[in-house]
N, C-alpha and C. Protein backbone atom coordinates (compact mmCIF):
# COMPACT_ATOMS: atom_id res chain seq x y z
N UNK A 1 117.71 100.60 114.98
CA UNK A 1 116.80 99.70 114.77
C UNK A 1 117.11 98.32 115.40
N UNK A 2 116.19 97.65 115.93
CA UNK A 2 116.38 96.38 116.59
C UNK A 2 116.69 95.38 115.47
N UNK A 3 117.77 94.63 115.63
CA UNK A 3 118.12 93.64 114.64
C UNK A 3 117.65 92.27 115.14
N UNK A 4 117.02 91.48 114.22
CA UNK A 4 116.65 90.14 114.54
C UNK A 4 117.66 89.18 114.02
N UNK A 5 117.84 88.10 114.79
CA UNK A 5 118.51 87.03 114.26
C UNK A 5 117.51 86.21 113.37
N UNK A 6 118.16 85.22 112.57
CA UNK A 6 117.22 84.52 111.75
C UNK A 6 116.23 83.71 112.59
N UNK A 7 116.64 83.22 113.69
CA UNK A 7 115.68 82.45 114.55
C UNK A 7 114.58 83.37 115.12
N UNK A 8 114.99 84.56 115.55
CA UNK A 8 114.06 85.50 116.11
C UNK A 8 113.00 85.89 115.01
N UNK A 9 113.48 86.11 113.85
CA UNK A 9 112.70 86.53 112.71
C UNK A 9 111.68 85.36 112.37
N UNK A 10 112.21 84.14 112.33
CA UNK A 10 111.33 82.92 112.11
C UNK A 10 110.36 82.70 113.17
N UNK A 11 110.61 83.28 114.30
CA UNK A 11 109.67 83.05 115.48
C UNK A 11 108.47 84.10 115.35
N UNK A 12 108.66 85.09 114.67
CA UNK A 12 107.58 86.02 114.49
C UNK A 12 106.31 85.44 113.75
N UNK A 13 105.16 85.84 114.32
CA UNK A 13 103.92 85.45 113.47
C UNK A 13 103.83 86.09 112.13
N UNK A 14 103.26 85.47 111.10
CA UNK A 14 103.08 86.19 109.75
C UNK A 14 102.50 87.47 109.97
N UNK A 15 101.52 87.65 110.79
CA UNK A 15 100.89 88.95 110.93
C UNK A 15 101.70 90.02 111.52
N UNK A 16 102.91 89.79 111.90
CA UNK A 16 103.82 90.79 112.53
C UNK A 16 104.63 91.42 111.32
N UNK A 17 104.35 90.98 110.06
CA UNK A 17 105.08 91.64 108.96
C UNK A 17 104.13 92.44 108.08
N UNK A 18 104.66 93.46 107.41
CA UNK A 18 103.89 94.20 106.50
C UNK A 18 103.40 93.38 105.35
N UNK A 19 104.51 92.57 104.92
CA UNK A 19 104.11 91.58 103.76
C UNK A 19 104.24 90.21 104.36
N UNK A 20 103.13 89.70 104.86
CA UNK A 20 103.19 88.37 105.64
C UNK A 20 103.58 87.13 104.77
N UNK A 21 103.05 87.03 103.55
CA UNK A 21 103.35 85.91 102.77
C UNK A 21 104.78 85.78 102.49
N UNK A 22 105.44 86.97 102.26
CA UNK A 22 106.91 86.95 101.94
C UNK A 22 107.71 87.07 103.16
N UNK A 23 107.02 87.25 104.30
CA UNK A 23 107.76 87.57 105.64
C UNK A 23 108.82 88.71 105.59
N UNK A 24 108.29 89.82 104.81
CA UNK A 24 109.16 91.01 104.72
C UNK A 24 108.65 92.07 105.45
N UNK A 25 109.46 92.92 106.05
CA UNK A 25 109.31 94.17 106.79
C UNK A 25 108.52 93.85 108.06
N UNK A 26 109.19 93.46 109.19
CA UNK A 26 108.53 93.21 110.45
C UNK A 26 108.05 94.57 110.97
N UNK A 27 107.00 94.42 111.79
CA UNK A 27 106.31 95.61 112.39
C UNK A 27 106.26 95.33 113.93
N UNK A 28 107.46 95.10 114.55
CA UNK A 28 107.58 94.86 115.98
C UNK A 28 107.65 96.15 116.85
N UNK A 29 108.15 97.26 116.35
CA UNK A 29 108.23 98.40 117.16
C UNK A 29 108.33 99.62 116.30
N UNK A 30 108.33 100.87 116.85
CA UNK A 30 108.36 102.14 116.08
C UNK A 30 109.45 102.15 115.05
N UNK A 31 110.70 101.68 115.49
CA UNK A 31 111.83 101.72 114.55
C UNK A 31 111.55 100.78 113.25
N UNK A 32 110.99 99.67 113.59
CA UNK A 32 110.63 98.70 112.33
C UNK A 32 109.56 99.36 111.54
N UNK A 33 108.60 99.97 112.08
CA UNK A 33 107.56 100.70 111.31
C UNK A 33 108.14 101.74 110.34
N UNK A 34 109.06 102.61 111.00
CA UNK A 34 109.64 103.60 110.21
C UNK A 34 110.48 102.98 109.08
N UNK A 35 111.31 101.87 109.38
CA UNK A 35 112.05 101.22 108.36
C UNK A 35 111.14 100.61 107.24
N UNK A 36 110.00 99.99 107.70
CA UNK A 36 109.16 99.35 106.64
C UNK A 36 108.67 100.56 105.64
N UNK A 37 108.44 101.64 106.24
CA UNK A 37 108.01 102.78 105.36
C UNK A 37 108.99 103.19 104.38
N UNK A 38 110.28 103.38 104.90
CA UNK A 38 111.44 103.82 104.10
C UNK A 38 111.84 102.72 103.06
N UNK A 39 111.52 101.49 103.30
CA UNK A 39 111.93 100.50 102.41
C UNK A 39 110.81 99.93 101.55
N UNK A 40 109.62 100.46 101.79
CA UNK A 40 108.39 99.98 101.19
C UNK A 40 108.55 99.80 99.58
N UNK A 41 109.10 100.78 98.93
CA UNK A 41 109.23 100.72 97.46
C UNK A 41 110.28 99.75 97.07
N UNK A 42 111.11 99.29 97.94
CA UNK A 42 112.21 98.37 97.58
C UNK A 42 111.75 96.84 97.61
N UNK A 43 110.56 96.57 98.15
CA UNK A 43 110.03 95.20 98.21
C UNK A 43 109.70 94.78 96.76
N UNK A 44 110.24 93.68 96.34
CA UNK A 44 110.07 93.15 95.04
C UNK A 44 108.99 92.01 95.03
N UNK A 45 108.49 91.83 93.79
CA UNK A 45 107.63 90.67 93.62
C UNK A 45 106.35 90.55 94.38
N UNK A 46 105.78 91.76 94.55
CA UNK A 46 104.50 91.88 95.27
C UNK A 46 103.51 92.74 94.39
N UNK A 47 102.23 92.40 94.42
CA UNK A 47 101.24 93.01 93.66
C UNK A 47 100.73 94.36 94.46
N UNK A 48 100.10 95.09 93.64
CA UNK A 48 99.57 96.31 94.15
C UNK A 48 98.50 95.88 95.27
N UNK A 49 97.77 94.90 95.04
CA UNK A 49 96.81 94.49 96.17
C UNK A 49 97.64 94.06 97.44
N UNK A 50 98.74 93.43 97.27
CA UNK A 50 99.52 93.16 98.53
C UNK A 50 100.09 94.42 99.14
N UNK A 51 100.49 95.39 98.28
CA UNK A 51 100.98 96.62 98.82
C UNK A 51 99.92 97.37 99.56
N UNK A 52 98.70 97.36 98.98
CA UNK A 52 97.47 97.93 99.75
C UNK A 52 97.29 97.33 101.14
N UNK A 53 97.34 96.05 101.14
CA UNK A 53 97.13 95.40 102.37
C UNK A 53 98.32 95.65 103.33
N UNK A 54 99.56 95.64 102.90
CA UNK A 54 100.70 95.92 103.69
C UNK A 54 100.67 97.29 104.22
N UNK A 55 100.18 98.27 103.47
CA UNK A 55 100.01 99.59 103.84
C UNK A 55 99.11 99.77 105.01
N UNK A 56 98.00 99.00 104.95
CA UNK A 56 96.99 99.02 106.02
C UNK A 56 97.69 98.46 107.29
N UNK A 57 98.36 97.43 107.21
CA UNK A 57 99.19 96.93 108.42
C UNK A 57 100.15 97.87 108.96
N UNK A 58 100.90 98.58 108.10
CA UNK A 58 101.74 99.58 108.59
C UNK A 58 101.06 100.68 109.22
N UNK A 59 99.90 101.18 108.68
CA UNK A 59 99.10 102.15 109.23
C UNK A 59 98.74 101.84 110.77
N UNK A 60 98.24 100.58 110.98
CA UNK A 60 97.74 100.03 112.17
C UNK A 60 98.95 99.99 113.13
N UNK A 61 100.15 99.60 112.63
CA UNK A 61 101.34 99.49 113.45
C UNK A 61 101.79 100.89 113.84
N UNK A 62 101.73 101.81 112.95
CA UNK A 62 102.11 103.26 113.21
C UNK A 62 101.27 103.82 114.27
N UNK A 63 99.97 103.53 114.19
CA UNK A 63 99.12 104.02 115.30
C UNK A 63 99.48 103.32 116.62
N UNK A 64 99.73 102.03 116.60
CA UNK A 64 100.06 101.38 117.91
C UNK A 64 101.23 101.86 118.50
N UNK A 65 102.34 102.23 117.71
CA UNK A 65 103.60 102.64 118.19
C UNK A 65 103.83 104.12 118.07
N UNK A 66 102.70 104.86 117.87
CA UNK A 66 102.86 106.32 117.87
C UNK A 66 103.80 106.81 116.86
N UNK A 67 103.81 106.35 115.60
CA UNK A 67 104.68 106.84 114.52
C UNK A 67 103.80 107.64 113.58
N UNK A 68 104.21 108.90 113.42
CA UNK A 68 103.50 109.81 112.57
C UNK A 68 103.68 109.42 111.04
N UNK A 69 102.57 109.32 110.30
CA UNK A 69 102.66 109.13 108.90
C UNK A 69 102.23 110.37 108.18
N UNK A 70 103.21 110.76 107.31
CA UNK A 70 102.82 111.89 106.42
C UNK A 70 102.09 111.53 105.21
N UNK A 71 102.27 110.25 104.79
CA UNK A 71 101.56 109.73 103.58
C UNK A 71 100.35 109.20 103.91
N UNK A 72 99.29 109.38 103.03
CA UNK A 72 97.96 108.80 103.16
C UNK A 72 97.85 107.48 102.61
N UNK A 73 98.77 107.17 101.63
CA UNK A 73 98.76 106.05 100.88
C UNK A 73 100.30 105.62 100.50
N UNK A 74 100.55 104.43 100.20
CA UNK A 74 101.92 103.88 99.80
C UNK A 74 102.35 104.60 98.55
N UNK A 75 101.34 105.00 97.76
CA UNK A 75 101.73 105.59 96.39
C UNK A 75 102.30 106.94 96.62
N UNK A 76 102.09 107.56 97.76
CA UNK A 76 102.80 108.95 98.05
C UNK A 76 104.19 108.78 98.54
N UNK A 77 104.71 107.63 98.96
CA UNK A 77 106.00 107.42 99.41
C UNK A 77 107.01 108.04 98.49
N UNK A 78 107.92 108.86 98.84
CA UNK A 78 108.93 109.47 97.94
C UNK A 78 108.55 110.62 97.19
N UNK A 79 107.19 110.96 97.21
CA UNK A 79 106.73 112.03 96.35
C UNK A 79 106.77 113.26 97.33
N UNK A 80 107.42 114.36 96.89
CA UNK A 80 107.42 115.62 97.64
C UNK A 80 106.69 116.73 97.08
């Protein structure tokens, strides 16, 4: 996964994050999208509405970077 310096991360637009208000989980490339999915349930202090919005941003980024999603909703993450 591409590592961002603090300055690089601060230069990103808020809409480049799954959780823009908190600036958590950047969605700059396929690796970041996969990472955002795997860490989704670890994000603290966000509401279900924020999670719903973040999932929509992840879905859009996944489509853009050709990342296959097996989950239809964030509520399915980790459920087998």
